[in-house]
Protein backbone atom coordinates (compact mmCIF):
# COMPACT_ATOMS: atom_id res chain seq x y z
CA UNK A 1 -22.70 6.61 8.57
CA UNK A 2 -24.31 3.54 7.15
CA UNK A 3 -26.23 1.61 9.32
CA UNK A 4 -27.20 -2.47 8.92
CA UNK A 5 -29.41 -4.91 10.88
CA UNK A 6 -27.73 -5.97 14.05
CA UNK A 7 -26.55 -9.45 13.97
CA UNK A 8 -27.08 -12.07 16.20
CA UNK A 9 -23.64 -12.39 16.50
CA UNK A 10 -20.64 -10.54 16.21
CA UNK A 11 -18.45 -9.78 13.03
CA UNK A 12 -14.43 -11.22 12.63
CA UNK A 13 -12.41 -9.48 11.40
CA UNK A 14 -8.84 -10.96 10.79
CA UNK A 15 -5.79 -9.23 10.00
CA UNK A 16 -2.31 -10.77 9.99
CA UNK A 17 0.77 -8.94 8.58
CA UNK A 18 3.90 -11.92 7.48
CA UNK A 19 7.29 -11.26 9.74
CA UNK A 20 6.41 -8.33 11.73
CA UNK A 21 8.16 -9.11 15.93
CA UNK A 22 6.22 -7.24 18.26
CA UNK A 23 9.48 -4.63 18.86
CA UNK A 24 9.03 -3.40 15.86
CA UNK A 25 6.00 -2.04 16.73
CA UNK A 26 5.20 1.73 18.49
CA UNK A 27 3.45 0.54 21.13
CA UNK A 28 5.63 -2.03 21.79
CA UNK A 29 7.57 1.05 22.42
CA UNK A 30 9.81 1.05 19.29
CA UNK A 31 10.40 5.04 18.80
CA UNK A 32 12.00 4.17 15.60
CA UNK A 33 8.46 2.62 14.24
CA UNK A 34 5.81 4.83 12.54
CA UNK A 35 2.89 2.73 13.14
CA UNK A 36 0.07 5.62 14.45
CA UNK A 37 -2.73 3.28 13.83
CA UNK A 38 -1.71 0.37 15.30
CA UNK A 39 -0.26 2.80 17.92
CA UNK A 40 -3.79 3.24 18.40
CA UNK A 41 -5.60 0.28 17.63
CA UNK A 42 -3.86 -0.94 21.04
CA UNK A 43 -4.77 1.73 22.71
CA UNK A 44 -8.92 0.44 22.07
CA UNK A 45 -7.98 -3.35 21.87
CA UNK A 46 -7.00 -5.94 24.89
CA UNK A 47 -3.46 -5.86 24.34
CA UNK A 48 -2.14 -9.66 24.45
CA UNK A 49 1.24 -8.87 25.89
CA UNK A 50 2.50 -12.50 25.81
CA UNK A 51 0.64 -13.18 22.54
CA UNK A 52 3.57 -15.82 20.66
CA UNK A 53 3.64 -17.74 17.72
CA UNK A 54 3.66 -21.73 18.41
CA UNK A 55 5.82 -22.29 15.95
CA UNK A 56 7.39 -19.57 14.21
CA UNK A 57 7.30 -20.14 10.24
CA UNK A 58 4.85 -18.95 7.75
CA UNK A 59 2.53 -22.66 6.78
CA UNK A 60 3.11 -24.15 10.41
CA UNK A 61 1.38 -21.26 12.21
CA UNK A 62 -1.28 -21.13 9.60
CA UNK A 63 -2.11 -24.48 9.98
CA UNK A 64 -2.17 -24.62 13.75
CA UNK A 65 -3.92 -21.04 13.12
CA UNK A 66 -6.76 -22.62 11.38
CA UNK A 67 -7.25 -25.94 13.02
CA UNK A 68 -6.58 -25.24 16.87
CA UNK A 69 -3.87 -27.80 16.49
CA UNK A 70 0.33 -28.37 17.49
CA UNK A 71 1.95 -28.86 14.15
CA UNK A 72 2.22 -32.45 15.01
CA UNK A 73 -0.76 -32.97 15.17
CA UNK A 74 -1.80 -31.03 12.10
CA UNK A 75 1.74 -32.68 9.75
CA UNK A 76 2.58 -29.08 8.42
CA UNK A 77 6.23 -29.48 9.97
CA UNK A 78 7.65 -27.22 7.34
CA UNK A 79 6.78 -25.06 4.24
CA UNK A 80 6.17 -25.72 0.87
CA UNK A 81 4.15 -29.21 0.98
CA UNK A 82 0.74 -29.31 0.86
CA UNK A 83 -1.75 -29.78 3.96
CA UNK A 84 -4.00 -32.79 5.08
CA UNK A 85 -7.52 -31.23 4.54
CA UNK A 86 -8.55 -34.09 6.83
CA UNK A 87 -9.82 -31.71 9.53
CA UNK A 88 -12.69 -29.54 11.16
CA UNK A 89 -10.94 -26.36 11.04
CA UNK A 90 -12.12 -22.51 11.61
CA UNK A 91 -13.30 -21.95 8.31
CA UNK A 92 -15.79 -25.18 8.67
CA UNK A 93 -16.96 -23.77 11.97
CA UNK A 94 -17.68 -20.15 10.76
CA UNK A 95 -19.55 -21.00 8.15
CA UNK A 96 -22.07 -23.79 9.55
CA UNK A 97 -22.47 -21.19 12.09
CA UNK A 98 -23.58 -19.41 9.07
CA UNK A 99 -20.81 -16.66 8.93
CA UNK A 100 -19.77 -15.56 5.24
CA UNK A 101 -16.30 -16.27 5.12
CA UNK A 102 -13.70 -14.43 3.02
CA UNK A 103 -9.92 -14.77 2.54
CA UNK A 104 -7.70 -12.12 1.01
CA UNK A 105 -3.73 -12.69 0.53
CA UNK A 106 -0.99 -15.84 1.24
CA UNK A 107 -2.61 -18.80 2.08
CA UNK A 108 0.40 -20.97 1.98
CA UNK A 109 -1.02 -24.04 2.78
CA UNK A 110 -1.14 -26.16 -0.36
CA UNK A 111 1.77 -25.56 -2.59
CA UNK A 112 3.98 -28.88 -2.15
CA UNK A 113 6.90 -28.08 -4.27
CA UNK A 114 10.15 -25.71 -2.96
CA UNK A 115 10.41 -23.58 -5.17
CA UNK A 116 8.83 -22.41 -8.65
CA UNK A 117 6.37 -20.58 -6.53
CA UNK A 118 4.77 -18.20 -9.44
CA UNK A 119 3.68 -21.73 -11.11
CA UNK A 120 -0.03 -22.44 -10.99
CA UNK A 121 -0.09 -26.05 -9.76
CA UNK A 122 1.57 -24.17 -6.38
CA UNK A 123 0.50 -21.09 -6.38
CA UNK A 124 -3.99 -21.25 -7.30
CA UNK A 125 -6.30 -23.29 -4.59
CA UNK A 126 -9.25 -24.29 -5.93
CA UNK A 127 -12.85 -24.31 -4.50
CA UNK A 128 -13.20 -26.93 -2.27
CA UNK A 129 -11.78 -28.98 0.43
CA UNK A 130 -7.97 -27.59 0.65
CA UNK A 131 -9.66 -24.46 1.51
CA UNK A 132 -10.61 -25.50 4.96
CA UNK A 133 -13.89 -24.56 5.31
CA UNK A 134 -13.72 -21.08 3.79
CA UNK A 135 -15.94 -21.16 1.29
CA UNK A 136 -16.98 -17.72 0.68
CA UNK A 137 -14.85 -14.23 -1.41
CA UNK A 138 -11.34 -15.98 -2.17
CA UNK A 139 -8.53 -13.50 -3.71
CA UNK A 140 -5.73 -15.40 -2.74
CA UNK A 141 -2.16 -17.39 -3.56
CA UNK A 142 -0.16 -19.90 -1.99
CA UNK A 143 3.50 -17.90 -1.49
CA UNK A 144 4.61 -15.24 -3.15
CA UNK A 145 7.49 -12.17 -1.89
CA UNK A 146 7.75 -9.11 -4.64
CA UNK A 147 4.82 -6.81 -3.53
CA UNK A 148 4.61 -5.15 -7.23
CA UNK A 149 3.63 -6.69 -10.40
CA UNK A 150 2.19 -9.73 -8.33
CA UNK A 151 -1.29 -11.39 -8.73
CA UNK A 152 -3.67 -13.51 -7.37
CA UNK A 153 -6.57 -15.88 -7.98
CA UNK A 154 -10.30 -16.57 -6.79
CA UNK A 155 -12.14 -19.45 -8.47
CA UNK A 156 -9.73 -20.52 -11.48
CA UNK A 157 -6.60 -21.11 -12.52
CA UNK A 158 -6.46 -17.54 -14.06
CA UNK A 159 -3.69 -15.10 -12.71
CA UNK A 160 -4.89 -11.83 -12.28
CA UNK A 161 -2.97 -9.07 -11.63
CA UNK A 162 -2.67 -6.84 -8.52
CA UNK A 163 -2.18 -3.43 -9.35
CA UNK A 164 0.53 -1.02 -7.81
CA UNK A 165 1.16 -2.28 -3.84
CA UNK A 166 0.15 -5.23 -3.08
CA UNK A 167 -0.72 -4.47 0.56
CA UNK A 168 -2.51 -1.25 -1.17
CA UNK A 169 -4.57 -3.33 -3.78
CA UNK A 170 -5.41 -5.65 -0.73
CA UNK A 171 -6.50 -2.97 1.31
CA UNK A 172 -8.88 -1.85 -1.30
CA UNK A 173 -10.25 -5.09 -1.86
CA UNK A 174 -10.71 -5.53 1.40
CA UNK A 175 -12.27 -2.45 2.15
CA UNK A 176 -14.43 -3.66 -0.75
CA UNK A 177 -16.01 -6.55 0.53
CA UNK A 178 -16.14 -4.94 3.70
CA UNK A 179 -19.12 -2.79 1.75
CA UNK A 180 -20.41 -5.68 -0.20
CA UNK A 181 -21.18 -7.26 3.40
CA UNK A 182 -21.84 -4.33 5.44
CA UNK A 183 -25.62 -4.35 4.84
CA UNK A 184 -26.39 -7.74 5.18
CA UNK A 185 -28.25 -9.39 7.89
CA UNK A 186 -25.84 -12.27 7.89
CA UNK A 187 -22.66 -12.01 9.75
CA UNK A 188 -19.08 -12.17 8.30
CA UNK A 189 -15.36 -13.13 8.97
CA UNK A 190 -13.47 -11.93 6.47
CA UNK A 191 -9.28 -12.94 6.64
CA UNK A 192 -6.92 -10.40 5.52
CA UNK A 193 -3.57 -12.06 5.47
CA UNK A 194 -0.98 -9.28 4.32
CA UNK A 195 2.58 -10.70 3.22
CA UNK A 196 4.99 -7.70 4.17
CA UNK A 197 7.25 -7.16 6.15
CA UNK A 198 8.56 -10.54 5.20
CA UNK A 199 11.82 -10.47 2.73
CA UNK A 200 12.74 -8.97 0.15
CA UNK A 201 13.98 -6.43 2.31
CA UNK A 202 15.27 -4.85 -1.24
CA UNK A 203 14.51 -0.61 -1.46
CA UNK A 204 12.09 -1.65 -5.28
CA UNK A 205 9.91 -3.81 -3.05
CA UNK A 206 8.45 -1.16 -1.21
CA UNK A 207 7.38 2.64 -2.08
CA UNK A 208 9.96 5.44 -2.66
CA UNK A 209 7.62 7.34 -0.15
CA UNK A 210 7.69 5.13 2.98
CA UNK A 211 11.52 3.95 2.41
CA UNK A 212 12.37 8.13 2.14
CA UNK A 213 10.86 8.10 5.79
CA UNK A 214 13.78 6.66 7.27
CA UNK A 215 16.62 7.56 5.17
CA UNK A 216 18.12 9.06 8.30
CA UNK A 217 17.06 6.81 10.87
CA UNK A 218 19.76 4.86 12.33
CA UNK A 219 19.93 1.25 11.72
CA UNK A 220 22.59 -1.18 13.99
CA UNK A 221 23.17 -4.82 14.28
CA UNK A 222 20.95 -5.85 17.34
CA UNK A 223 22.35 -5.58 20.90
CA UNK A 224 22.44 -9.61 20.90
CA UNK A 225 23.68 -9.67 17.63
CA UNK A 226 26.69 -12.74 17.16
CA UNK A 227 29.19 -12.79 14.25
CA UNK A 228 29.31 -16.52 14.35
CA UNK A 229 26.05 -18.43 12.76
CA UNK A 230 24.46 -20.55 15.57
CA UNK A 231 25.50 -24.12 15.02
CA UNK A 232 21.66 -25.34 14.98
CA UNK A 233 20.62 -22.86 12.07
CA UNK A 234 19.49 -24.38 8.68
CA UNK A 235 19.74 -22.99 5.37
CA UNK A 236 17.01 -20.09 6.09
CA UNK A 237 18.83 -18.69 8.77
CA UNK A 238 22.87 -18.73 8.55
CA UNK A 239 23.94 -15.56 6.74
CA UNK A 240 27.31 -14.48 5.25
CA UNK A 241 29.20 -11.85 5.48
CA UNK A 242 27.68 -9.97 2.88
CA UNK A 243 24.34 -10.06 4.45
CA UNK A 244 25.34 -9.89 7.59
CA UNK A 245 26.69 -6.30 6.11
CA UNK A 246 23.21 -5.83 4.46
CA UNK A 247 21.14 -5.46 8.28
CA UNK A 248 20.96 -1.86 8.71
CA UNK A 249 19.46 -1.66 5.05
CA UNK A 250 17.11 -4.69 5.68
CA UNK A 251 15.51 -2.63 8.96
CA UNK A 252 14.88 0.29 6.62
CA UNK A 253 13.36 -1.55 4.28
CA UNK A 254 11.88 -3.83 6.60
CA UNK A 255 10.01 -0.71 8.67
CA UNK A 256 9.67 1.48 5.45
CA UNK A 257 6.96 -1.81 4.48
CA UNK A 258 6.01 -2.00 8.20
CA UNK A 259 4.89 1.81 7.73
CA UNK A 260 2.91 1.76 4.80
CA UNK A 261 1.40 -2.09 6.47
CA UNK A 262 0.04 0.82 9.22
CA UNK A 263 -0.97 3.48 6.49
CA UNK A 264 -3.22 0.77 5.02
CA UNK A 265 -4.77 -0.51 8.26
CA UNK A 266 -5.81 2.79 9.26
CA UNK A 267 -7.57 2.83 6.15
CA UNK A 268 -8.94 -0.58 6.96
CA UNK A 269 -10.12 0.72 10.27
CA UNK A 270 -12.01 3.98 8.48
CA UNK A 271 -13.89 1.69 6.45
CA UNK A 272 -15.07 -0.29 9.72
CA UNK A 273 -15.81 2.70 11.55
CA UNK A 274 -17.78 4.30 7.97
CA UNK A 275 -19.60 1.55 7.88
CA UNK A 276 -21.18 1.23 11.28
CA UNK A 277 -19.34 -1.86 11.73
CA UNK A 278 -16.84 -1.27 14.86
CA UNK A 279 -19.66 -1.95 18.02
CA UNK A 280 -20.82 -5.61 16.49
CA UNK A 281 -17.48 -6.71 15.11
CA UNK A 282 -14.61 -8.69 16.67
CA UNK A 283 -11.28 -7.04 14.87
CA UNK A 284 -7.86 -8.55 15.91
CA UNK A 285 -4.50 -7.60 14.25
CA UNK A 286 -1.61 -9.50 14.97
CA UNK A 287 1.31 -11.76 12.99
CA UNK A 288 3.05 -14.78 12.16
CA UNK A 289 6.03 -14.85 13.49
CA UNK A 290 8.90 -12.02 13.70
CA UNK A 291 12.29 -11.85 12.19
CA UNK A 292 15.65 -12.44 13.95
CA UNK A 293 18.10 -9.65 11.63
CA UNK A 294 21.71 -11.16 13.18
CA UNK A 295 20.74 -11.66 16.80
CA UNK A 296 21.83 -15.12 18.66
CA UNK A 297 23.43 -15.39 15.64
CA UNK A 298 20.49 -15.81 12.76
CA UNK A 299 18.38 -14.24 10.52
CA UNK A 300 14.62 -15.68 9.63
CA UNK A 301 12.51 -16.55 12.15
CA UNK A 302 11.93 -20.72 13.26
CA UNK A 303 13.62 -20.84 16.31
CA UNK A 304 12.27 -20.00 20.15
CA UNK A 305 14.25 -17.09 20.73
CA UNK A 306 11.98 -13.39 21.42
CA UNK A 307 12.79 -12.07 18.50
CA UNK A 308 10.67 -14.47 16.14
CA UNK A 309 7.79 -16.05 18.72
CA UNK A 310 6.56 -13.06 19.88
CA UNK A 311 3.85 -11.08 17.69
CA UNK A 312 1.67 -8.23 18.63
CA UNK A 313 -2.08 -9.72 18.97
CA UNK A 314 -4.20 -6.26 19.60
CA UNK A 315 -8.53 -8.02 20.22
CA UNK A 316 -11.43 -4.97 20.08
CA UNK A 317 -14.93 -4.78 20.35
CA UNK A 318 -15.67 -1.62 21.60
CA UNK A 319 -18.94 -1.86 24.18
CA UNK A 320 -17.83 -5.84 24.91
CA UNK A 321 -13.80 -6.29 24.82
CA UNK A 322 -12.71 -4.16 27.64
CA UNK A 323 -9.09 -1.81 26.91
CA UNK A 324 -6.27 -2.56 28.75
CA UNK A 325 -3.83 -5.72 28.63
CA UNK A 326 -3.32 -8.96 29.71
CA UNK A 327 -0.88 -10.96 30.51
CA UNK A 328 -2.04 -14.50 29.41
CA UNK A 329 0.03 -16.44 26.87
CA UNK A 330 -1.80 -16.66 23.92
CA UNK A 331 0.01 -19.44 21.77
CA UNK A 332 -1.18 -19.81 18.21
CA UNK A 333 -3.23 -22.58 18.84
CA UNK A 334 -5.13 -21.18 21.11
CA UNK A 335 -6.15 -18.26 18.55
CA UNK A 336 -9.34 -20.19 16.96
CA UNK A 337 -11.24 -21.49 20.19
CA UNK A 338 -10.97 -17.99 21.84
CA UNK A 339 -12.19 -16.69 18.88
CA UNK A 340 -14.79 -19.24 18.99
CA UNK A 341 -15.67 -18.60 22.16
CA UNK A 342 -16.00 -15.02 21.46
CA UNK A 343 -18.43 -15.61 18.80
CA UNK A 344 -20.33 -17.98 20.27
CA UNK A 345 -19.92 -20.62 18.13
CA UNK A 346 -18.36 -24.33 19.01
CA UNK A 347 -14.94 -25.44 19.32
CA UNK A 348 -14.41 -28.54 17.25
CA UNK A 349 -14.00 -31.10 19.51
CA UNK A 350 -10.16 -31.83 18.37
CA UNK A 351 -9.00 -28.58 19.02
CA UNK A 352 -5.63 -28.75 21.07
CA UNK A 353 -5.75 -25.32 22.15
CA UNK A 354 -7.50 -23.08 25.03
CA UNK A 355 -10.76 -21.16 25.03
CA UNK A 356 -8.76 -17.62 26.28
CA UNK A 357 -11.92 -15.65 25.19
CA UNK A 358 -12.60 -15.07 29.42
CA UNK A 359 -9.11 -12.99 29.47
CA UNK A 360 -10.31 -10.77 26.05
CA UNK A 361 -13.63 -9.45 28.28
CA UNK A 362 -11.66 -8.85 31.20
CA UNK A 363 -12.29 -11.94 32.98
CA UNK A 364 -9.84 -13.88 33.79
CA UNK A 365 -9.80 -17.69 34.19
CA UNK A 366 -7.67 -20.62 34.98
CA UNK A 367 -4.52 -20.07 32.46
CA UNK A 368 -2.34 -22.27 30.91
CA UNK A 369 0.85 -23.40 32.75
CA UNK A 370 3.16 -22.06 29.86
CA UNK A 371 3.28 -21.44 25.25
CA UNK A 372 4.55 -24.45 24.07
CA UNK A 373 6.56 -24.11 21.52
CA UNK A 374 7.62 -26.85 18.49
CA UNK A 375 10.80 -26.50 15.79
CA UNK A 376 10.21 -29.53 13.54
CA UNK A 377 12.65 -29.71 10.84
CA UNK A 378 14.35 -26.56 8.82
CA UNK A 379 12.24 -24.22 7.08
CA UNK A 380 11.67 -25.70 3.82
CA UNK A 381 13.32 -28.59 3.46
CA UNK A 382 13.65 -32.12 4.34
CA UNK A 383 16.74 -31.78 6.85
CA UNK A 384 17.55 -32.89 10.13
CA UNK A 385 19.06 -31.72 12.82
CA UNK A 386 17.40 -28.81 13.29
CA UNK A 387 14.65 -29.99 15.64
CA UNK A 388 13.42 -28.02 18.90
CA UNK A 389 11.00 -28.14 21.78
CA UNK A 390 10.36 -25.38 24.03
CA UNK A 391 8.29 -23.44 26.81
CA UNK A 392 7.87 -19.72 27.53
CA UNK A 393 5.98 -18.85 30.49
CA UNK A 394 5.65 -14.83 31.32
CA UNK A 395 9.07 -14.94 32.74
CA UNK A 396 11.03 -17.81 31.48
CA UNK A 397 12.05 -19.16 28.10
CA UNK A 398 13.20 -23.40 28.31
CA UNK A 399 13.98 -25.16 25.08
CA UNK A 400 15.95 -28.13 23.94
CA UNK A 401 18.10 -29.10 20.73
CA UNK A 402 17.21 -32.82 19.50
CA UNK A 403 20.11 -33.33 17.63
CA UNK A 404 22.31 -32.96 20.80
CA UNK A 405 19.97 -32.39 23.81
CA UNK A 406 21.36 -28.72 24.66
CA UNK A 407 19.15 -27.50 27.17
CA UNK A 408 18.97 -23.68 27.95
CA UNK A 409 16.62 -21.66 29.35
CA UNK A 410 16.42 -17.87 29.50
CA UNK A 411 14.77 -15.34 32.25
CA UNK A 412 13.72 -12.63 29.60
CA UNK A 413 12.49 -10.57 32.39
CA UNK A 414 16.14 -10.30 33.65
CA UNK A 415 17.98 -10.60 30.31
CA UNK A 416 15.46 -9.32 27.68
CA UNK A 417 17.80 -10.26 25.06
CA UNK A 418 18.30 -13.95 26.14
CA UNK A 419 22.07 -13.63 26.71
CA UNK A 420 22.94 -16.23 29.23
CA UNK A 421 21.59 -19.46 29.69
CA UNK A 422 20.95 -20.45 33.14
CA UNK A 423 20.03 -24.06 32.26
CA UNK A 424 24.09 -24.63 33.81
CA UNK A 425 23.27 -22.73 36.64
CA UNK A 426 23.29 -24.09 39.77
CA UNK A 427 21.08 -22.03 41.14
CA UNK A 428 18.36 -23.18 38.55
CA UNK A 429 17.94 -26.58 39.27
CA UNK A 430 14.56 -26.33 40.37
CA UNK A 431 13.02 -24.05 37.82
CA UNK A 432 14.66 -26.80 34.80
CA UNK A 433 13.72 -29.75 36.60
CA UNK A 434 10.35 -27.82 36.45
CA UNK A 435 10.54 -27.46 32.90
CA UNK A 436 11.60 -30.05 31.91
CA UNK A 437 8.43 -32.19 34.16
CA UNK A 438 5.98 -29.89 31.96
CA UNK A 439 7.76 -30.43 28.52
CA UNK A 440 7.44 -34.12 28.94
CA UNK A 441 3.33 -33.92 29.84
CA UNK A 442 2.66 -31.34 26.70
CA UNK A 443 4.29 -33.60 24.44
CA UNK A 444 2.74 -36.97 26.21
CA UNK A 445 -1.00 -35.24 26.01
CA UNK A 446 -0.78 -34.33 22.27
CA UNK A 447 0.98 -37.93 21.07
CA UNK A 448 4.36 -35.58 20.19
CA UNK A 449 7.56 -38.20 20.03
CA UNK A 450 9.78 -35.77 19.04
CA UNK A 451 10.65 -37.20 15.92
CA UNK A 452 13.82 -36.26 12.92
CA UNK A 453 12.67 -34.02 10.51
CA UNK A 454 12.34 -36.68 7.84
CA UNK A 455 10.97 -39.06 9.59
CA UNK A 456 7.68 -36.90 8.89
CA UNK A 457 8.62 -37.07 5.10
CA UNK A 458 8.71 -40.99 5.59
CA UNK A 459 5.77 -42.06 7.28
CA UNK A 460 2.77 -39.12 6.58
CA UNK A 461 3.96 -37.80 2.95
CA UNK A 462 4.43 -38.17 -0.67
CA UNK A 463 5.77 -36.42 -2.93
CA UNK A 464 5.07 -33.14 -0.21
CA UNK A 465 1.69 -33.69 0.26
CA UNK A 466 -0.04 -35.13 3.99
CA UNK A 467 -1.33 -38.35 2.60
CA UNK A 468 -5.28 -38.18 3.50
CA UNK A 469 -5.35 -41.23 4.20
CA UNK A 470 -3.03 -41.13 6.94
CA UNK A 471 -4.54 -41.29 11.07
CA UNK A 472 -2.66 -38.20 11.62
CA UNK A 473 -2.75 -38.76 15.32
CA UNK A 474 -1.35 -42.23 15.17
CA UNK A 475 2.33 -42.19 14.80
């Protein structure tokens, strides 16, 4: 086993999948899942069992992850707009704290054109402010989800081919970076952003040997499947009859992609052990959001239902972080301050999330009353009518739509598939009032005035770029 000098602060390895929902993981109880490495990691980690994606869409999630702020403060209200770089982010604090940073995979924060993802103008993020402080190794792109024959950029616009299956190549690259950084005295922070198991879920988008593992697995429609489209759904969430008929086949590919992702996670964890990095490395595995597969009459994400917002969040540092489970409500904007707390680095004053590192250490402390969730528009288009706000605590989900002010209240302990809306049940009137008051308070605290999607287009952006001159807090 190789050894290295003891660092003053622990390293950080942050691994996140794209569109992996919690209940598709073996350790969460899914018997169809083939995730032995993830399951083993769960047994070695603090499992944040109530981790949620505060805005379950790719770019809004990443903006909150790297700033510790809610969507209505980052302005990243939909996909395919370019992030305002005037935030003091995760990368800045790490770099200024003496960390060497590395970023591999999907970035999705600096493309300002809907479609044309493979054009260099949309896929390349040059060195500088739009990398939000990640000044070290860079092998990334903004957006694509075809996993064979793809590419990445380093510090030039040149497209560098990724040989073979993309998650395999990304893991090879991450292991190579670990080997390089392991012998140095300087601590490192490596972020690995996998594209899987995000669609397209076609047989040619996953290795055949993994798809074969699920050839005889039974996949059907979810228990809360609805045959009619949700009237609040955007174009990305509505389903055609042909798509509905494809759900079992989609699930087969989704689980095959997840099995491959698990194999790569196992290789990465083995390299951490081989290099002697286990004990002084904070290792995180999570996902940006989930996927509905027809639940509640929707596909995709961008909604407050459990299938979209519940994500795995496993945090390991042997000898310091106890093995077990915490039920504290961990939101996306809490991740940055929580990890900075574990790394003994300062949390920027403008961060809106909470430092929940005491819960990672098994100590407990003051808990958020609920996670505050936001939906600020269509997935990637300036389209009104899909906006919502929600709160999720350990038992209930409360939500309200902007367009018609419909309210929903679900008891996800008694009703895990969220089939019974309790908002009009007189017996739940007190609970409903509690959530209404809490939502008003949370929105007021961060200046969220529940605007339409196009309001942000008209007031904050130009050519799908969030204006650098805008004072983001001034709405």
